[in-house]
């Protein structure tokens, strides 16, 4: 079962944010962050949207168990979106090019 409290804390830590800093960014009391992360409260939908926006992730990323998705910066996400539009041949050509310059 998905643990929203655990995920909330995991994403906060992955983004190197203290609970106090996150509270300031979300414009909530620090105790709200503590209650959410300790399973004593659930974030409202508005707060969850603000949280995801602050961390530059989608709601889908939040509920995805693969935590690596959540730590991608916006430029990397944009590149992945572009790659997803390429044909298999184009992807292979790009892959070979990247191997050459790496």
PDB file of N, CA and C in Angstrom:
ATOM      1  N   UNK A   1       0.841  -1.188   0.000  1.00  0.00           N
ATOM      2  CA  UNK A   1       0.000   0.000   0.000  1.00  0.00           C
ATOM      3  C   UNK A   1       0.884   1.248   0.000  1.00  0.00           C
ATOM      4  N   UNK A   2       0.464   2.239  -0.748  1.00  0.00           N
ATOM      5  CA  UNK A   2       1.222   3.474  -0.873  1.00  0.00           C
ATOM      6  C   UNK A   2       1.190   4.258   0.437  1.00  0.00           C
ATOM      7  N   UNK A   3       2.354   4.697   0.889  1.00  0.00           N
ATOM      8  CA  UNK A   3       2.463   5.462   2.130  1.00  0.00           C
ATOM      9  C   UNK A   3       2.756   6.919   1.789  1.00  0.00           C
ATOM     10  N   UNK A   4       1.716   7.741   1.809  1.00  0.00           N
ATOM     11  CA  UNK A   4       1.850   9.142   1.421  1.00  0.00           C
ATOM     12  C   UNK A   4       2.802   9.895   2.350  1.00  0.00           C
ATOM     13  N   UNK A   5       2.796   9.550   3.634  1.00  0.00           N
ATOM     14  CA  UNK A   5       3.683  10.218   4.600  1.00  0.00           C
ATOM     15  C   UNK A   5       5.147   9.933   4.283  1.00  0.00           C
ATOM     16  N   UNK A   6       5.431   8.661   4.014  1.00  0.00           N
ATOM     17  CA  UNK A   6       6.799   8.256   3.695  1.00  0.00           C
ATOM     18  C   UNK A   6       7.268   8.916   2.402  1.00  0.00           C
ATOM     19  N   UNK A   7       6.388   8.953   1.402  1.00  0.00           N
ATOM     20  CA  UNK A   7       6.749   9.544   0.114  1.00  0.00           C
ATOM     21  C   UNK A   7       6.993  11.047   0.252  1.00  0.00           C
ATOM     22  N   UNK A   8       6.166  11.708   1.018  1.00  0.00           N
ATOM     23  CA  UNK A   8       6.306  13.143   1.253  1.00  0.00           C
ATOM     24  C   UNK A   8       7.694  13.444   1.817  1.00  0.00           C
ATOM     25  N   UNK A   9       8.078  12.689   2.848  1.00  0.00           N
ATOM     26  CA  UNK A   9       9.381  12.895   3.482  1.00  0.00           C
ATOM     27  C   UNK A   9      10.517  12.519   2.540  1.00  0.00           C
ATOM     28  N   UNK A  10      10.365  11.405   1.842  1.00  0.00           N
ATOM     29  CA  UNK A  10      11.393  10.954   0.898  1.00  0.00           C
ATOM     30  C   UNK A  10      11.687  12.025  -0.151  1.00  0.00           C
ATOM     31  N   UNK A  11      10.650  12.609  -0.717  1.00  0.00           N
ATOM     32  CA  UNK A  11      10.844  13.630  -1.737  1.00  0.00           C
ATOM     33  C   UNK A  11      11.440  14.905  -1.154  1.00  0.00           C
ATOM     34  N   UNK A  12      11.025  15.256   0.041  1.00  0.00           N
ATOM     35  CA  UNK A  12      11.611  16.436   0.699  1.00  0.00           C
ATOM     36  C   UNK A  12      13.106  16.245   0.889  1.00  0.00           C
ATOM     37  N   UNK A  13      13.493  15.079   1.394  1.00  0.00           N
ATOM     38  CA  UNK A  13      14.915  14.806   1.628  1.00  0.00           C
ATOM     39  C   UNK A  13      15.693  14.689   0.320  1.00  0.00           C
ATOM     40  N   UNK A  14      15.091  14.074  -0.698  1.00  0.00           N
ATOM     41  CA  UNK A  14      15.751  13.967  -2.009  1.00  0.00           C
ATOM     42  C   UNK A  14      16.054  15.330  -2.604  1.00  0.00           C
ATOM     43  N   UNK A  15      15.275  16.318  -2.210  1.00  0.00           N
ATOM     44  CA  UNK A  15      15.471  17.672  -2.711  1.00  0.00           C
ATOM     45  C   UNK A  15      16.245  18.550  -1.735  1.00  0.00           C
ATOM     46  N   UNK A  16      16.852  17.909  -0.729  1.00  0.00           N
ATOM     47  CA  UNK A  16      17.709  18.595   0.249  1.00  0.00           C
ATOM     48  C   UNK A  16      17.005  19.763   0.932  1.00  0.00           C
ATOM     49  N   UNK A  17      15.749  19.537   1.283  1.00  0.00           N
ATOM     50  CA  UNK A  17      14.983  20.576   1.980  1.00  0.00           C
ATOM     51  C   UNK A  17      14.772  20.176   3.429  1.00  0.00           C
ATOM     52  N   UNK A  18      14.988  21.115   4.317  1.00  0.00           N
ATOM     53  CA  UNK A  18      14.623  20.874   5.712  1.00  0.00           C
ATOM     54  C   UNK A  18      13.104  21.008   5.813  1.00  0.00           C
ATOM     55  N   UNK A  19      12.548  20.468   6.872  1.00  0.00           N
ATOM     56  CA  UNK A  19      11.111  20.593   7.086  1.00  0.00           C
ATOM     57  C   UNK A  19      10.714  22.066   7.223  1.00  0.00           C
ATOM     58  N   UNK A  20      11.551  22.839   7.886  1.00  0.00           N
ATOM     59  CA  UNK A  20      11.267  24.268   8.056  1.00  0.00           C
ATOM     60  C   UNK A  20      11.304  25.014   6.729  1.00  0.00           C
ATOM     61  N   UNK A  21      12.286  24.711   5.902  1.00  0.00           N
ATOM     62  CA  UNK A  21      12.387  25.369   4.591  1.00  0.00           C
ATOM     63  C   UNK A  21      11.180  25.009   3.729  1.00  0.00           C
ATOM     64  N   UNK A  22      10.798  23.732   3.738  1.00  0.00           N
ATOM     65  CA  UNK A  22       9.637  23.316   2.955  1.00  0.00           C
ATOM     66  C   UNK A  22       8.378  24.007   3.461  1.00  0.00           C
ATOM     67  N   UNK A  23       8.232  24.109   4.765  1.00  0.00           N
ATOM     68  CA  UNK A  23       7.072  24.791   5.339  1.00  0.00           C
ATOM     69  C   UNK A  23       6.995  26.239   4.852  1.00  0.00           C
ATOM     70  N   UNK A  24       8.138  26.915   4.806  1.00  0.00           N
ATOM     71  CA  UNK A  24       8.165  28.294   4.304  1.00  0.00           C
ATOM     72  C   UNK A  24       7.762  28.353   2.840  1.00  0.00           C
ATOM     73  N   UNK A  25       8.295  27.427   2.039  1.00  0.00           N
ATOM     74  CA  UNK A  25       7.971  27.407   0.613  1.00  0.00           C
ATOM     75  C   UNK A  25       6.487  27.125   0.368  1.00  0.00           C
ATOM     76  N   UNK A  26       5.905  26.280   1.215  1.00  0.00           N
ATOM     77  CA  UNK A  26       4.500  25.918   1.061  1.00  0.00           C
ATOM     78  C   UNK A  26       3.563  26.856   1.815  1.00  0.00           C
ATOM     79  N   UNK A  27       4.161  27.773   2.568  1.00  0.00           N
ATOM     80  CA  UNK A  27       3.405  28.740   3.361  1.00  0.00           C
ATOM     81  C   UNK A  27       2.477  28.053   4.370  1.00  0.00           C
ATOM     82  N   UNK A  28       3.070  27.076   5.088  1.00  0.00           N
ATOM     83  CA  UNK A  28       2.341  26.382   6.153  1.00  0.00           C
ATOM     84  C   UNK A  28       3.196  26.382   7.408  1.00  0.00           C
ATOM     85  N   UNK A  29       2.585  26.058   8.509  1.00  0.00           N
ATOM     86  CA  UNK A  29       3.309  25.940   9.765  1.00  0.00           C
ATOM     87  C   UNK A  29       4.202  24.704   9.710  1.00  0.00           C
ATOM     88  N   UNK A  30       5.431  24.774  10.242  1.00  0.00           N
ATOM     89  CA  UNK A  30       6.309  23.597  10.249  1.00  0.00           C
ATOM     90  C   UNK A  30       5.680  22.358  10.882  1.00  0.00           C
ATOM     91  N   UNK A  31       4.763  22.574  11.832  1.00  0.00           N
ATOM     92  CA  UNK A  31       4.106  21.426  12.456  1.00  0.00           C
ATOM     93  C   UNK A  31       3.244  20.654  11.453  1.00  0.00           C
ATOM     94  N   UNK A  32       2.768  21.341  10.427  1.00  0.00           N
ATOM     95  CA  UNK A  32       1.989  20.671   9.381  1.00  0.00           C
ATOM     96  C   UNK A  32       2.850  19.653   8.651  1.00  0.00           C
ATOM     97  N   UNK A  33       4.069  20.031   8.332  1.00  0.00           N
ATOM     98  CA  UNK A  33       4.999  19.117   7.662  1.00  0.00           C
ATOM     99  C   UNK A  33       5.282  17.924   8.565  1.00  0.00           C
ATOM    100  N   UNK A  34       5.544  18.194   9.820  1.00  0.00           N
ATOM    101  CA  UNK A  34       5.819  17.132  10.790  1.00  0.00           C
ATOM    102  C   UNK A  34       4.646  16.161  10.897  1.00  0.00           C
ATOM    103  N   UNK A  35       3.437  16.695  10.992  1.00  0.00           N
ATOM    104  CA  UNK A  35       2.254  15.841  11.108  1.00  0.00           C
ATOM    105  C   UNK A  35       2.071  14.970   9.869  1.00  0.00           C
ATOM    106  N   UNK A  36       2.293  15.544   8.697  1.00  0.00           N
ATOM    107  CA  UNK A  36       2.160  14.777   7.451  1.00  0.00           C
ATOM    108  C   UNK A  36       3.199  13.665   7.410  1.00  0.00           C
ATOM    109  N   UNK A  37       4.440  14.007   7.686  1.00  0.00           N
ATOM    110  CA  UNK A  37       5.527  13.026   7.590  1.00  0.00           C
ATOM    111  C   UNK A  37       5.445  11.944   8.656  1.00  0.00           C
ATOM    112  N   UNK A  38       4.792  12.229   9.754  1.00  0.00           N
ATOM    113  CA  UNK A  38       4.635  11.233  10.819  1.00  0.00           C
ATOM    114  C   UNK A  38       3.294  10.506  10.761  1.00  0.00           C
ATOM    115  N   UNK A  39       2.556  10.741   9.695  1.00  0.00           N
ATOM    116  CA  UNK A  39       1.303  10.033   9.500  1.00  0.00           C
ATOM    117  C   UNK A  39       0.169  10.492  10.391  1.00  0.00           C
ATOM    118  N   UNK A  40       0.315  11.659  10.991  1.00  0.00           N
ATOM    119  CA  UNK A  40      -0.721  12.178  11.877  1.00  0.00           C
ATOM    120  C   UNK A  40      -1.739  13.032  11.129  1.00  0.00           C
ATOM    121  N   UNK A  41      -1.403  13.391   9.890  1.00  0.00           N
ATOM    122  CA  UNK A  41      -2.303  14.181   9.050  1.00  0.00           C
ATOM    123  C   UNK A  41      -2.008  13.836   7.596  1.00  0.00           C
ATOM    124  N   UNK A  42      -2.986  14.056   6.767  1.00  0.00           N
ATOM    125  CA  UNK A  42      -2.827  13.869   5.318  1.00  0.00           C
ATOM    126  C   UNK A  42      -2.831  15.253   4.678  1.00  0.00           C
ATOM    127  N   UNK A  43      -2.001  15.459   3.655  1.00  0.00           N
ATOM    128  CA  UNK A  43      -2.016  16.765   2.992  1.00  0.00           C
ATOM    129  C   UNK A  43      -3.312  16.947   2.213  1.00  0.00           C
ATOM    130  N   UNK A  44      -3.813  18.164   2.206  1.00  0.00           N
ATOM    131  CA  UNK A  44      -4.974  18.470   1.373  1.00  0.00           C
ATOM    132  C   UNK A  44      -4.543  18.380  -0.093  1.00  0.00           C
ATOM    133  N   UNK A  45      -5.500  18.294  -0.974  1.00  0.00           N
ATOM    134  CA  UNK A  45      -5.177  18.258  -2.400  1.00  0.00           C
ATOM    135  C   UNK A  45      -4.442  19.526  -2.804  1.00  0.00           C
ATOM    136  N   UNK A  46      -4.896  20.671  -2.303  1.00  0.00           N
ATOM    137  CA  UNK A  46      -4.229  21.939  -2.617  1.00  0.00           C
ATOM    138  C   UNK A  46      -2.771  21.933  -2.157  1.00  0.00           C
ATOM    139  N   UNK A  47      -2.534  21.421  -0.948  1.00  0.00           N
ATOM    140  CA  UNK A  47      -1.176  21.377  -0.429  1.00  0.00           C
ATOM    141  C   UNK A  47      -0.323  20.396  -1.228  1.00  0.00           C
ATOM    142  N   UNK A  48      -0.892  19.278  -1.605  1.00  0.00           N
ATOM    143  CA  UNK A  48      -0.157  18.291  -2.396  1.00  0.00           C
ATOM    144  C   UNK A  48       0.222  18.859  -3.761  1.00  0.00           C
ATOM    145  N   UNK A  49      -0.687  19.588  -4.375  1.00  0.00           N
ATOM    146  CA  UNK A  49      -0.386  20.234  -5.657  1.00  0.00           C
ATOM    147  C   UNK A  49       0.731  21.261  -5.481  1.00  0.00           C
ATOM    148  N   UNK A  50       0.659  22.040  -4.436  1.00  0.00           N
ATOM    149  CA  UNK A  50       1.688  23.049  -4.161  1.00  0.00           C
ATOM    150  C   UNK A  50       3.034  22.374  -3.891  1.00  0.00           C
ATOM    151  N   UNK A  51       3.004  21.267  -3.153  1.00  0.00           N
ATOM    152  CA  UNK A  51       4.211  20.494  -2.867  1.00  0.00           C
ATOM    153  C   UNK A  51       4.855  20.020  -4.173  1.00  0.00           C
ATOM    154  N   UNK A  52       4.056  19.431  -5.040  1.00  0.00           N
ATOM    155  CA  UNK A  52       4.579  18.920  -6.317  1.00  0.00           C
ATOM    156  C   UNK A  52       5.110  20.052  -7.185  1.00  0.00           C
ATOM    157  N   UNK A  53       4.392  21.160  -7.218  1.00  0.00           N
ATOM    158  CA  UNK A  53       4.843  22.320  -7.995  1.00  0.00           C
ATOM    159  C   UNK A  53       6.169  22.846  -7.454  1.00  0.00           C
ATOM    160  N   UNK A  54       6.274  22.921  -6.147  1.00  0.00           N
ATOM    161  CA  UNK A  54       7.504  23.405  -5.505  1.00  0.00           C
ATOM    162  C   UNK A  54       8.693  22.511  -5.843  1.00  0.00           C
ATOM    163  N   UNK A  55       8.465  21.203  -5.889  1.00  0.00           N
ATOM    164  CA  UNK A  55       9.547  20.262  -6.190  1.00  0.00           C
ATOM    165  C   UNK A  55       9.711  20.012  -7.681  1.00  0.00           C
ATOM    166  N   UNK A  56       8.902  20.687  -8.484  1.00  0.00           N
ATOM    167  CA  UNK A  56       8.952  20.548  -9.938  1.00  0.00           C
ATOM    168  C   UNK A  56       8.712  19.101 -10.383  1.00  0.00           C
ATOM    169  N   UNK A  57       7.706  18.483  -9.799  1.00  0.00           N
ATOM    170  CA  UNK A  57       7.318  17.129 -10.177  1.00  0.00           C
ATOM    171  C   UNK A  57       5.822  17.109 -10.466  1.00  0.00           C
ATOM    172  N   UNK A  58       5.384  16.085 -11.161  1.00  0.00           N
ATOM    173  CA  UNK A  58       3.955  15.937 -11.421  1.00  0.00           C
ATOM    174  C   UNK A  58       3.322  15.142 -10.285  1.00  0.00           C
ATOM    175  N   UNK A  59       2.012  15.176 -10.239  1.00  0.00           N
ATOM    176  CA  UNK A  59       1.299  14.340  -9.264  1.00  0.00           C
ATOM    177  C   UNK A  59       1.587  12.873  -9.570  1.00  0.00           C
ATOM    178  N   UNK A  60       1.711  12.553 -10.839  1.00  0.00           N
ATOM    179  CA  UNK A  60       2.045  11.189 -11.240  1.00  0.00           C
ATOM    180  C   UNK A  60       3.396  10.787 -10.656  1.00  0.00           C
ATOM    181  N   UNK A  61       4.357  11.689 -10.716  1.00  0.00           N
ATOM    182  CA  UNK A  61       5.670  11.417 -10.129  1.00  0.00           C
ATOM    183  C   UNK A  61       5.555  11.181  -8.621  1.00  0.00           C
ATOM    184  N   UNK A  62       4.704  11.960  -7.982  1.00  0.00           N
ATOM    185  CA  UNK A  62       4.542  11.808  -6.534  1.00  0.00           C
ATOM    186  C   UNK A  62       4.053  10.403  -6.190  1.00  0.00           C
ATOM    187  N   UNK A  63       3.090   9.923  -6.935  1.00  0.00           N
ATOM    188  CA  UNK A  63       2.497   8.624  -6.618  1.00  0.00           C
ATOM    189  C   UNK A  63       3.224   7.455  -7.267  1.00  0.00           C
ATOM    190  N   UNK A  64       4.278   7.745  -8.021  1.00  0.00           N
ATOM    191  CA  UNK A  64       5.093   6.707  -8.639  1.00  0.00           C
ATOM    192  C   UNK A  64       6.068   6.178  -7.594  1.00  0.00           C
ATOM    193  N   UNK A  65       6.146   4.865  -7.468  1.00  0.00           N
ATOM    194  CA  UNK A  65       7.059   4.258  -6.485  1.00  0.00           C
ATOM    195  C   UNK A  65       8.527   4.421  -6.856  1.00  0.00           C
ATOM    196  N   UNK A  66       8.821   4.735  -8.103  1.00  0.00           N
ATOM    197  CA  UNK A  66      10.201   4.892  -8.541  1.00  0.00           C
ATOM    198  C   UNK A  66      10.680   6.284  -8.152  1.00  0.00           C
ATOM    199  N   UNK A  67      11.399   6.393  -7.059  1.00  0.00           N
ATOM    200  CA  UNK A  67      11.809   7.705  -6.546  1.00  0.00           C
ATOM    201  C   UNK A  67      12.796   8.412  -7.461  1.00  0.00           C
ATOM    202  N   UNK A  68      13.442   7.707  -8.370  1.00  0.00           N
ATOM    203  CA  UNK A  68      14.375   8.363  -9.286  1.00  0.00           C
ATOM    204  C   UNK A  68      13.672   9.373 -10.178  1.00  0.00           C
ATOM    205  N   UNK A  69      12.420   9.138 -10.500  1.00  0.00           N
ATOM    206  CA  UNK A  69      11.682  10.044 -11.353  1.00  0.00           C
ATOM    207  C   UNK A  69      11.577  11.411 -10.701  1.00  0.00           C
ATOM    208  N   UNK A  70      11.386  11.428  -9.429  1.00  0.00           N
ATOM    209  CA  UNK A  70      11.122  12.663  -8.720  1.00  0.00           C
ATOM    210  C   UNK A  70      12.328  13.586  -8.608  1.00  0.00           C
ATOM    211  N   UNK A  71      13.525  13.090  -8.807  1.00  0.00           N
ATOM    212  CA  UNK A  71      14.695  13.939  -8.633  1.00  0.00           C
ATOM    213  C   UNK A  71      15.241  14.463  -9.955  1.00  0.00           C
ATOM    214  N   UNK A  72      14.531  14.234 -11.050  1.00  0.00           N
ATOM    215  CA  UNK A  72      14.958  14.769 -12.329  1.00  0.00           C
ATOM    216  C   UNK A  72      14.658  16.259 -12.389  1.00  0.00           C
ATOM    217  N   UNK A  73      15.605  17.015 -12.919  1.00  0.00           N
ATOM    218  CA  UNK A  73      15.345  18.435 -13.077  1.00  0.00           C
ATOM    219  C   UNK A  73      14.487  18.659 -14.320  1.00  0.00           C
ATOM    220  N   UNK A  74      13.999  19.863 -14.493  1.00  0.00           N
ATOM    221  CA  UNK A  74      13.070  20.150 -15.579  1.00  0.00           C
ATOM    222  C   UNK A  74      13.710  19.959 -16.956  1.00  0.00           C
ATOM    223  N   UNK A  75      15.002  20.272 -17.085  1.00  0.00           N
ATOM    224  CA  UNK A  75      15.666  20.096 -18.364  1.00  0.00           C
ATOM    225  C   UNK A  75      15.761  18.620 -18.739  1.00  0.00           C
ATOM    226  N   UNK A  76      16.051  17.769 -17.767  1.00  0.00           N
ATOM    227  CA  UNK A  76      16.133  16.331 -18.019  1.00  0.00           C
ATOM    228  C   UNK A  76      14.765  15.778 -18.386  1.00  0.00           C
ATOM    229  N   UNK A  77      13.732  16.231 -17.693  1.00  0.00           N
ATOM    230  CA  UNK A  77      12.382  15.794 -18.028  1.00  0.00           C
ATOM    231  C   UNK A  77      12.019  16.204 -19.448  1.00  0.00           C
ATOM    232  N   UNK A  78      12.396  17.424 -19.838  1.00  0.00           N
ATOM    233  CA  UNK A  78      12.113  17.888 -21.197  1.00  0.00           C
ATOM    234  C   UNK A  78      12.842  17.038 -22.229  1.00  0.00           C
ATOM    235  N   UNK A  79      14.100  16.708 -21.944  1.00  0.00           N
ATOM    236  CA  UNK A  79      14.847  15.839 -22.858  1.00  0.00           C
ATOM    237  C   UNK A  79      14.187  14.467 -22.991  1.00  0.00           C
ATOM    238  N   UNK A  80      13.740  13.915 -21.880  1.00  0.00           N
ATOM    239  CA  UNK A  80      13.068  12.617 -21.930  1.00  0.00           C
ATOM    240  C   UNK A  80      11.777  12.684 -22.739  1.00  0.00           C
ATOM    241  N   UNK A  81      11.059  13.788 -22.600  1.00  0.00           N
ATOM    242  CA  UNK A  81       9.838  13.961 -23.391  1.00  0.00           C
ATOM    243  C   UNK A  81      10.150  14.025 -24.877  1.00  0.00           C
ATOM    244  N   UNK A  82      11.223  14.705 -25.231  1.00  0.00           N
ATOM    245  CA  UNK A  82      11.626  14.786 -26.639  1.00  0.00           C
ATOM    246  C   UNK A  82      12.044  13.415 -27.142  1.00  0.00           C
ATOM    247  N   UNK A  83      12.834  12.708 -26.355  1.00  0.00           N
ATOM    248  CA  UNK A  83      13.287  11.362 -26.750  1.00  0.00           C
ATOM    249  C   UNK A  83      12.102  10.434 -26.976  1.00  0.00           C
ATOM    250  N   UNK A  84      11.084  10.576 -26.162  1.00  0.00           N
ATOM    251  CA  UNK A  84       9.899   9.726 -26.310  1.00  0.00           C
ATOM    252  C   UNK A  84       9.178   9.945 -27.626  1.00  0.00           C
ATOM    253  N   UNK A  85       9.409  11.074 -28.283  1.00  0.00           N
ATOM    254  CA  UNK A  85       8.752  11.341 -29.565  1.00  0.00           C
ATOM    255  C   UNK A  85       9.562  10.811 -30.748  1.00  0.00           C
ATOM    256  N   UNK A  86      10.799  10.387 -30.502  1.00  0.00           N
ATOM    257  CA  UNK A  86      11.672   9.918 -31.579  1.00  0.00           C
ATOM    258  C   UNK A  86      11.334   8.488 -31.990  1.00  0.00           C
ATOM    259  N   UNK A  87      11.635   8.197 -33.259  1.00  0.00           N
ATOM    260  CA  UNK A  87      11.485   6.820 -33.731  1.00  0.00           C
ATOM    261  C   UNK A  87      12.619   5.987 -33.152  1.00  0.00           C
ATOM    262  N   UNK A  88      12.519   4.686 -33.269  1.00  0.00           N
ATOM    263  CA  UNK A  88      13.569   3.797 -32.770  1.00  0.00           C
ATOM    264  C   UNK A  88      14.899   4.108 -33.448  1.00  0.00           C
ATOM    265  N   UNK A  89      14.879   4.338 -34.751  1.00  0.00           N
ATOM    266  CA  UNK A  89      16.114   4.671 -35.483  1.00  0.00           C
ATOM    267  C   UNK A  89      16.726   5.967 -34.962  1.00  0.00           C
ATOM    268  N   UNK A  90      15.881   6.956 -34.716  1.00  0.00           N
ATOM    269  CA  UNK A  90      16.369   8.234 -34.209  1.00  0.00           C
ATOM    270  C   UNK A  90      16.948   8.079 -32.805  1.00  0.00           C
ATOM    271  N   UNK A  91      16.317   7.263 -31.987  1.00  0.00           N
ATOM    272  CA  UNK A  91      16.829   7.022 -30.633  1.00  0.00           C
ATOM    273  C   UNK A  91      18.190   6.343 -30.683  1.00  0.00           C
ATOM    274  N   UNK A  92      18.338   5.362 -31.548  1.00  0.00           N
ATOM    275  CA  UNK A  92      19.629   4.672 -31.678  1.00  0.00           C
ATOM    276  C   UNK A  92      20.710   5.631 -32.161  1.00  0.00           C
ATOM    277  N   UNK A  93      20.366   6.489 -33.135  1.00  0.00           N
ATOM    278  CA  UNK A  93      21.327   7.473 -33.627  1.00  0.00           C
ATOM    279  C   UNK A  93      21.732   8.425 -32.509  1.00  0.00           C
ATOM    280  N   UNK A  94      20.756   8.887 -31.731  1.00  0.00           N
ATOM    281  CA  UNK A  94      21.042   9.775 -30.601  1.00  0.00           C
ATOM    282  C   UNK A  94      21.914   9.068 -29.569  1.00  0.00           C
ATOM    283  N   UNK A  95      21.589   7.832 -29.258  1.00  0.00           N
ATOM    284  CA  UNK A  95      22.365   7.060 -28.301  1.00  0.00           C
ATOM    285  C   UNK A  95      23.818   6.930 -28.765  1.00  0.00           C
ATOM    286  N   UNK A  96      24.009   6.591 -30.032  1.00  0.00           N
ATOM    287  CA  UNK A  96      25.376   6.454 -30.566  1.00  0.00           C
ATOM    288  C   UNK A  96      26.128   7.782 -30.536  1.00  0.00           C
ATOM    289  N   UNK A  97      25.423   8.866 -30.847  1.00  0.00           N
ATOM    290  CA  UNK A  97      26.038  10.187 -30.788  1.00  0.00           C
ATOM    291  C   UNK A  97      26.474  10.530 -29.363  1.00  0.00           C
ATOM    292  N   UNK A  98      25.598  10.259 -28.400  1.00  0.00           N
ATOM    293  CA  UNK A  98      25.921  10.560 -27.002  1.00  0.00           C
ATOM    294  C   UNK A  98      27.105   9.735 -26.505  1.00  0.00           C
ATOM    295  N   UNK A  99      27.179   8.496 -26.960  1.00  0.00           N
ATOM    296  CA  UNK A  99      28.335   7.675 -26.572  1.00  0.00           C
ATOM    297  C   UNK A  99      29.621   8.258 -27.130  1.00  0.00           C
ATOM    298  N   UNK A 100      29.566   8.821 -28.324  1.00  0.00           N
ATOM    299  CA  UNK A 100      30.756   9.417 -28.927  1.00  0.00           C
ATOM    300  C   UNK A 100      31.251  10.641 -28.170  1.00  0.00           C
ATOM    301  N   UNK A 101      30.349  11.451 -27.704  1.00  0.00           N
ATOM    302  CA  UNK A 101      30.761  12.699 -27.049  1.00  0.00           C
ATOM    303  C   UNK A 101      31.002  12.544 -25.557  1.00  0.00           C
ATOM    304  N   UNK A 102      30.658  11.398 -25.015  1.00  0.00           N
ATOM    305  CA  UNK A 102      30.829  11.191 -23.584  1.00  0.00           C
ATOM    306  C   UNK A 102      32.250  10.796 -23.260  1.00  0.00           C
TER     307      UNK A 102
END
